[in-house]
Protein backbone atom coordinates (compact mmCIF):
# COMPACT_ATOMS: atom_id res chain seq x y z
CA MET A 1 -10.10 6.40 7.84
CA GLN A 2 -6.46 5.62 9.01
CA TYR A 3 -5.88 1.54 8.41
CA THR A 4 -3.71 -0.44 11.20
CA LEU A 5 -1.69 -2.65 9.75
CA SER A 6 -0.26 -5.71 10.82
CA ARG A 7 1.86 -8.79 9.95
CA THR A 8 -0.70 -12.01 10.86
CA ARG A 9 0.24 -15.61 9.73
CA PHE A 10 -1.10 -16.98 5.60
CA ASP A 11 -2.86 -19.58 7.91
CA SER A 12 -4.84 -16.90 9.95
CA PRO A 13 -8.70 -17.63 10.18
CA VAL A 14 -8.95 -13.29 9.05
CA ALA A 15 -6.23 -13.37 6.47
CA GLN A 16 -7.77 -16.81 4.72
CA LEU A 17 -10.66 -15.62 4.90
CA LEU A 18 -9.81 -12.33 3.22
CA CYS A 19 -7.83 -14.89 0.72
CA ALA A 20 -11.15 -16.61 -0.40
CA GLU A 21 -12.64 -12.68 -1.23
CA ILE A 22 -10.03 -12.77 -3.39
CA GLN A 23 -10.46 -15.57 -4.79
CA GLN A 24 -14.24 -15.20 -5.71
CA GLU A 25 -13.41 -11.12 -7.09
CA TYR A 26 -11.26 -13.42 -9.63
CA VAL A 27 -13.82 -15.88 -10.68
CA ARG A 28 -16.34 -12.93 -11.18
CA ARG A 29 -13.05 -10.67 -13.65
CA TYR A 30 -12.11 -13.73 -14.93
CA GLY A 31 -14.38 -16.36 -14.24
CA GLY A 32 -12.82 -18.78 -12.19
CA GLY A 33 -9.87 -18.59 -9.54
CA ASP A 34 -6.69 -18.03 -9.19
CA GLU A 35 -4.68 -21.16 -9.15
CA THR A 36 -1.01 -20.38 -8.59
CA GLN A 37 0.08 -22.74 -5.40
CA LEU A 38 1.07 -20.95 -1.58
CA GLY A 39 2.50 -22.54 0.63
CA GLU A 40 1.33 -21.92 4.92
CA ASP A 41 5.21 -21.78 5.58
CA ASP A 42 5.18 -19.54 2.18
CA PHE A 43 4.77 -16.28 3.82
CA HIS A 44 7.05 -16.62 7.15
CA PRO A 45 9.74 -14.15 7.69
CA PRO A 46 12.94 -14.81 6.47
CA ASN A 47 11.05 -15.49 3.69
CA GLY A 48 8.04 -13.73 3.23
CA ASP A 49 5.43 -12.00 5.53
CA PHE A 50 1.96 -11.36 5.64
CA PHE A 51 -0.08 -8.32 6.32
CA VAL A 52 -3.35 -7.32 7.25
CA ALA A 53 -5.45 -4.19 7.31
CA TYR A 54 -7.38 -2.81 9.69
CA ASP A 55 -10.53 -0.26 9.37
CA GLU A 56 -10.63 2.13 12.50
CA THR A 57 -13.65 0.01 13.96
CA GLY A 58 -11.12 -2.85 13.32
CA GLU A 59 -12.75 -4.47 10.70
CA PRO A 60 -10.23 -6.37 8.17
CA ALA A 61 -9.68 -4.23 5.67
CA GLY A 62 -7.25 -5.67 2.90
CA CYS A 63 -4.14 -7.77 2.97
CA GLY A 64 -0.86 -8.25 1.02
CA GLY A 65 2.57 -10.33 1.00
CA TRP A 66 5.05 -11.90 -0.42
CA ARG A 67 7.49 -15.08 -0.22
CA THR A 68 10.47 -16.09 -2.09
CA HIS A 69 11.11 -16.10 -5.65
CA GLU A 70 14.13 -17.36 -6.94
CA ASP A 71 14.37 -17.30 -10.56
CA ASP A 72 16.65 -19.55 -13.21
CA ALA A 73 20.44 -17.61 -11.87
CA GLY A 74 19.67 -18.19 -8.76
CA VAL A 75 18.84 -14.82 -7.75
CA LYS A 76 15.97 -14.59 -4.45
CA ALA A 77 13.22 -11.94 -5.49
CA ALA A 78 10.19 -11.71 -3.87
CA GLU A 79 7.09 -12.19 -5.47
CA MET A 80 3.80 -10.29 -4.34
CA LYS A 81 0.83 -11.89 -3.93
CA ARG A 82 -2.93 -11.55 -2.94
CA VAL A 83 -2.26 -8.20 -2.37
CA PHE A 84 -6.86 -7.06 -1.76
CA VAL A 85 -8.95 -4.22 -0.47
CA ARG A 86 -12.29 -5.16 0.41
CA GLU A 87 -14.78 -2.47 -1.67
CA HIS A 88 -16.41 -0.33 1.00
CA ALA A 89 -12.31 0.04 1.92
CA ARG A 90 -11.19 0.69 -2.04
CA ARG A 91 -9.94 4.41 -3.55
CA GLN A 92 -8.45 5.43 -0.06
CA GLY A 93 -4.79 4.58 -0.33
CA LEU A 94 -5.03 1.51 1.21
CA ALA A 95 -3.69 -1.17 -1.46
CA LYS A 96 -0.64 1.36 -1.91
CA LEU A 97 -0.18 1.32 2.04
CA LEU A 98 -0.29 -2.05 2.00
CA VAL A 99 2.71 -1.98 -1.21
CA ALA A 100 4.51 0.00 0.59
CA ALA A 101 4.36 -2.53 3.88
CA VAL A 102 5.40 -5.62 0.98
CA GLU A 103 7.98 -3.41 0.02
CA ARG A 104 9.67 -2.37 2.89
CA SER A 105 10.03 -6.16 4.39
CA ALA A 106 11.19 -7.51 0.96
CA ALA A 107 14.06 -5.03 1.60
CA GLU A 108 14.50 -5.67 5.17
CA ALA A 109 14.34 -9.19 4.49
CA GLY A 110 17.68 -8.28 1.81
CA ARG A 111 14.95 -9.44 -1.52
CA LYS A 112 16.80 -6.73 -4.67
CA ARG A 113 13.66 -7.14 -6.40
CA VAL A 114 9.51 -7.76 -5.75
CA ILE A 115 8.07 -9.34 -8.53
CA LEU A 116 3.67 -10.20 -9.38
CA GLU A 117 1.41 -11.46 -11.68
CA THR A 118 -1.51 -9.56 -12.26
CA GLY A 119 -4.23 -9.60 -15.35
CA PRO A 120 -6.17 -7.08 -17.96
CA ARG A 121 -9.14 -7.37 -15.85
CA GLN A 122 -8.06 -5.39 -13.01
CA PRO A 123 -7.02 -2.07 -14.71
CA GLU A 124 -6.76 -0.19 -11.14
CA ALA A 125 -4.53 -2.67 -10.24
CA VAL A 126 -2.49 -2.51 -13.36
CA ALA A 127 -2.75 1.47 -14.19
CA MET A 128 -1.16 1.44 -9.58
CA TYR A 129 1.83 -0.64 -10.43
CA GLU A 130 2.57 0.95 -12.77
CA LEU A 131 2.30 5.14 -11.32
CA LEU A 132 4.57 2.91 -8.19
CA GLY A 133 7.20 2.21 -10.77
CA TYR A 134 6.28 -1.46 -12.29
CA ALA A 135 7.00 -2.46 -15.42
CA PRO A 136 7.44 -5.80 -17.57
CA VAL A 137 9.13 -8.43 -16.86
CA THR A 138 10.14 -12.11 -18.00
CA PRO A 139 6.99 -13.87 -17.23
CA PHE A 140 7.07 -16.29 -14.65
CA GLY A 141 5.29 -18.91 -12.18
CA PHE A 142 2.02 -21.22 -12.84
CA TYR A 143 0.53 -18.02 -15.03
CA ALA A 144 4.40 -17.95 -17.65
CA CYS A 145 2.41 -19.17 -20.43
CA ALA A 146 -1.00 -17.35 -19.85
CA ASP A 147 -2.67 -15.20 -22.86
CA GLY A 148 -3.09 -11.58 -21.12
CA SER A 149 -1.14 -12.16 -17.71
CA LEU A 150 0.52 -9.11 -17.01
CA HIS A 151 4.23 -10.08 -15.13
CA LEU A 152 5.84 -6.89 -13.27
CA GLY A 153 8.23 -5.89 -11.23
CA LYS A 154 10.79 -2.87 -9.15
CA GLU A 155 13.99 -3.33 -7.66
CA LEU A 156 13.85 -1.90 -3.82
CA ARG A 157 16.05 0.32 -2.76
CA SER A 158 17.11 -0.20 0.78
CA GLU A 159 17.54 2.70 3.45
CA HIS A 160 21.43 1.78 3.44
CA GLU A 161 21.96 2.74 -0.41
């Protein structure tokens, strides 16, 4: 299956539909949705980006994006959020394609690092991130103190390095 990625406003109907499905996935796996506060402008360039993947029939199959996260030292990183693939499109490499798009966009915006939060009830995601070179980082954000929350990060390389 071939997929096409499209930059999409986070507040668009298709992005919000996919994000609602992500929340239902969290409810199924964890008993509740992700309570992290997200603003509509969080994913607008140059401070973020959001992508929707479409399959060959034009149906949305997944999404993912990043927003700026500034640490205590004032260093700006890209926080990856809402990487999701609908069940019918899983195990076809789409999540890796979305992550690569997020990383590329963040690097183009000058971010040197991508960070993310995930959890132990998403073993497929954890395995994929580890395979892609993500490693544990200092906990951050809404789930910094949450039991079992996993915080991962990866240094980015620009095309000029």
